[in-house]
Amino acid sequence: MLLFLGYLGCNKNKFETRPSLKYKSVNTTTLQRGETLKFTLSFTDAEGDLTDTLSVQKLVRVCPAGINGSFTQPYKLPEFPTGKNQKGDIIVSYTYNDVNPKCILRNDTAIFKFVLKDKAQHSSDTAVSEPIVIIY
């Protein structure tokens, strides 16, 4: 227990008013039908006043003219205890059907961008995934 308290004391200055969001990993970089895409992000927030929604953007790099495989949408976070100097991981999950390819008769290659806000409207830096191939 003392080791844990000492750890928190040493890291106290890492918590800022503006939330911090970092991309950690994804379970696969090639998504097939029937699979689920799971992104892991880490966050910190000094005030513990995060909103209940994460902004997620899917950007498809190359689609034929007139086809837009991209989206920007809110992702509802589960309820979690709040308090000062908050930190933790966020798992963002999408089924294949949620992000299926929109390019005509071909795979989508997409990156995903994530932004977290607090109730004072401070935004985190944008966390960005590596390219994800969504198989047609």
Protein backbone atom coordinates (compact mmCIF):
# COMPACT_ATOMS: atom_id res chain seq x y z
CA MET A 1 0.00 0.00 0.00
CA LEU A 2 2.79 2.47 0.79
CA LEU A 3 4.45 1.70 -2.53
CA PHE A 4 1.21 2.54 -4.35
CA LEU A 5 0.81 5.85 -2.51
CA GLY A 6 4.43 6.74 -3.25
CA TYR A 7 3.82 5.97 -6.92
CA LEU A 8 0.86 8.33 -7.01
CA GLY A 9 2.85 11.05 -5.30
CA CYS A 10 5.69 10.80 -7.83
CA ASN A 11 3.31 10.97 -10.77
CA LYS A 12 1.11 13.76 -9.45
CA ASN A 13 2.65 16.32 -11.81
CA LYS A 14 1.73 14.21 -14.86
CA PHE A 15 -1.95 15.07 -14.40
CA GLU A 16 -2.99 18.22 -16.21
CA THR A 17 -6.19 20.24 -16.46
CA ARG A 18 -6.46 19.23 -20.10
CA PRO A 19 -7.22 15.50 -20.42
CA SER A 20 -4.48 13.32 -21.86
CA LEU A 21 -5.32 10.50 -24.28
CA LYS A 22 -2.81 8.05 -25.72
CA TYR A 23 -3.26 5.24 -28.23
CA LYS A 24 -1.91 1.96 -26.85
CA SER A 25 -2.93 -0.89 -29.14
CA VAL A 26 -5.47 -2.66 -31.33
CA ASN A 27 -6.27 -6.37 -31.31
CA THR A 28 -5.90 -6.75 -35.10
CA THR A 29 -4.78 -4.67 -38.06
CA THR A 30 -6.81 -6.80 -40.50
CA LEU A 31 -10.53 -7.03 -39.71
CA GLN A 32 -12.49 -9.92 -41.25
CA ARG A 33 -16.26 -10.48 -41.33
CA GLY A 34 -17.58 -11.61 -37.94
CA GLU A 35 -14.64 -10.16 -36.00
CA THR A 36 -14.53 -7.29 -33.51
CA LEU A 37 -12.03 -4.45 -33.56
CA LYS A 38 -10.83 -3.45 -30.06
CA PHE A 39 -8.72 -0.35 -29.50
CA THR A 40 -7.04 0.27 -26.15
CA LEU A 41 -6.42 3.89 -25.14
CA SER A 42 -5.02 5.30 -21.89
CA PHE A 43 -6.13 8.56 -20.30
CA THR A 44 -5.35 10.91 -17.43
CA ASP A 45 -7.33 13.86 -16.09
CA ALA A 46 -6.47 16.06 -13.10
CA GLU A 47 -10.00 17.17 -12.23
CA GLY A 48 -11.79 13.90 -12.95
CA ASP A 49 -14.45 15.75 -14.95
CA LEU A 50 -14.42 13.83 -18.21
CA THR A 51 -17.52 13.85 -20.36
CA ASP A 52 -19.26 10.54 -20.96
CA THR A 53 -18.43 10.47 -24.68
CA LEU A 54 -15.31 9.96 -26.76
CA SER A 55 -15.17 11.39 -30.28
CA VAL A 56 -14.14 8.77 -32.85
CA GLN A 57 -13.30 9.40 -36.48
CA LYS A 58 -12.75 6.68 -39.10
CA LEU A 59 -10.76 7.99 -42.06
CA VAL A 60 -10.54 5.88 -45.20
CA ARG A 61 -7.51 6.94 -47.17
CA VAL A 62 -8.47 5.84 -50.67
CA CYS A 63 -11.95 5.21 -52.05
CA PRO A 64 -13.22 5.77 -55.59
CA ALA A 65 -14.45 9.29 -56.32
CA GLY A 66 -17.86 9.98 -54.78
CA ILE A 67 -17.59 7.22 -52.17
CA ASN A 68 -17.00 8.21 -48.55
CA GLY A 69 -16.07 5.38 -46.21
CA SER A 70 -15.26 7.75 -43.36
CA PHE A 71 -17.32 8.75 -40.32
CA THR A 72 -17.14 10.89 -37.20
CA GLN A 73 -19.32 9.79 -34.33
CA PRO A 74 -19.57 9.85 -30.55
CA TYR A 75 -18.66 6.72 -28.61
CA LYS A 76 -20.47 6.42 -25.28
CA LEU A 77 -18.15 5.60 -22.39
CA PRO A 78 -19.30 3.32 -19.58
CA GLU A 79 -19.91 4.88 -16.17
CA PHE A 80 -16.84 4.91 -13.96
CA PRO A 81 -15.95 6.43 -10.60
CA THR A 82 -14.73 10.03 -10.78
CA GLY A 83 -12.14 11.78 -8.67
CA LYS A 84 -9.02 13.90 -8.79
CA ASN A 85 -5.96 12.65 -10.68
CA GLN A 86 -7.85 10.08 -12.66
CA LYS A 87 -6.17 7.60 -14.98
CA GLY A 88 -7.13 4.42 -16.71
CA ASP A 89 -7.67 2.57 -19.95
CA ILE A 90 -10.56 2.87 -22.37
CA ILE A 91 -11.50 -0.03 -24.65
CA VAL A 92 -13.31 1.04 -27.84
CA SER A 93 -14.98 -1.86 -29.67
CA TYR A 94 -16.54 -2.02 -33.11
CA THR A 95 -17.98 -5.08 -34.80
CA TYR A 96 -17.26 -5.65 -38.47
CA ASN A 97 -20.77 -4.41 -39.31
CA ASP A 98 -20.11 -1.12 -37.46
CA VAL A 99 -17.08 -0.28 -39.65
CA ASN A 100 -17.64 -2.46 -42.74
CA PRO A 101 -15.97 -1.39 -46.01
CA LYS A 102 -17.73 1.35 -47.95
CA CYS A 103 -15.38 1.36 -50.94
CA ILE A 104 -17.03 -0.51 -53.81
CA LEU A 105 -15.90 -4.14 -54.10
CA ARG A 106 -12.62 -3.62 -52.26
CA ASN A 107 -11.04 -3.44 -48.82
CA ASP A 108 -11.02 -0.23 -46.82
CA THR A 109 -7.75 0.89 -45.29
CA ALA A 110 -8.62 3.21 -42.44
CA ILE A 111 -7.08 4.99 -39.52
CA PHE A 112 -9.07 5.83 -36.42
CA LYS A 113 -8.71 9.08 -34.46
CA PHE A 114 -9.88 9.57 -30.88
CA VAL A 115 -10.43 12.75 -28.82
CA LEU A 116 -11.55 13.03 -25.21
CA LYS A 117 -13.12 16.16 -23.66
CA ASP A 118 -13.81 17.24 -20.14
CA LYS A 119 -16.81 19.17 -18.86
CA ALA A 120 -14.86 22.46 -19.12
CA GLN A 121 -14.51 21.71 -22.88
CA HIS A 122 -10.75 21.04 -22.70
CA SER A 123 -9.82 18.54 -25.44
CA SER A 124 -7.10 15.93 -25.33
CA ASP A 125 -4.53 15.53 -28.06
CA THR A 126 -5.78 13.33 -30.89
CA ALA A 127 -4.79 9.69 -30.45
CA VAL A 128 -4.34 7.94 -33.82
CA SER A 129 -4.30 4.23 -34.69
CA GLU A 130 -2.09 2.54 -37.20
CA PRO A 131 -3.78 1.65 -40.54
CA ILE A 132 -6.49 -1.00 -40.22
CA VAL A 133 -7.45 -3.05 -43.29
CA ILE A 134 -11.16 -3.90 -43.29
CA ILE A 135 -11.61 -6.87 -45.62
CA TYR A 136 -14.40 -6.64 -48.19
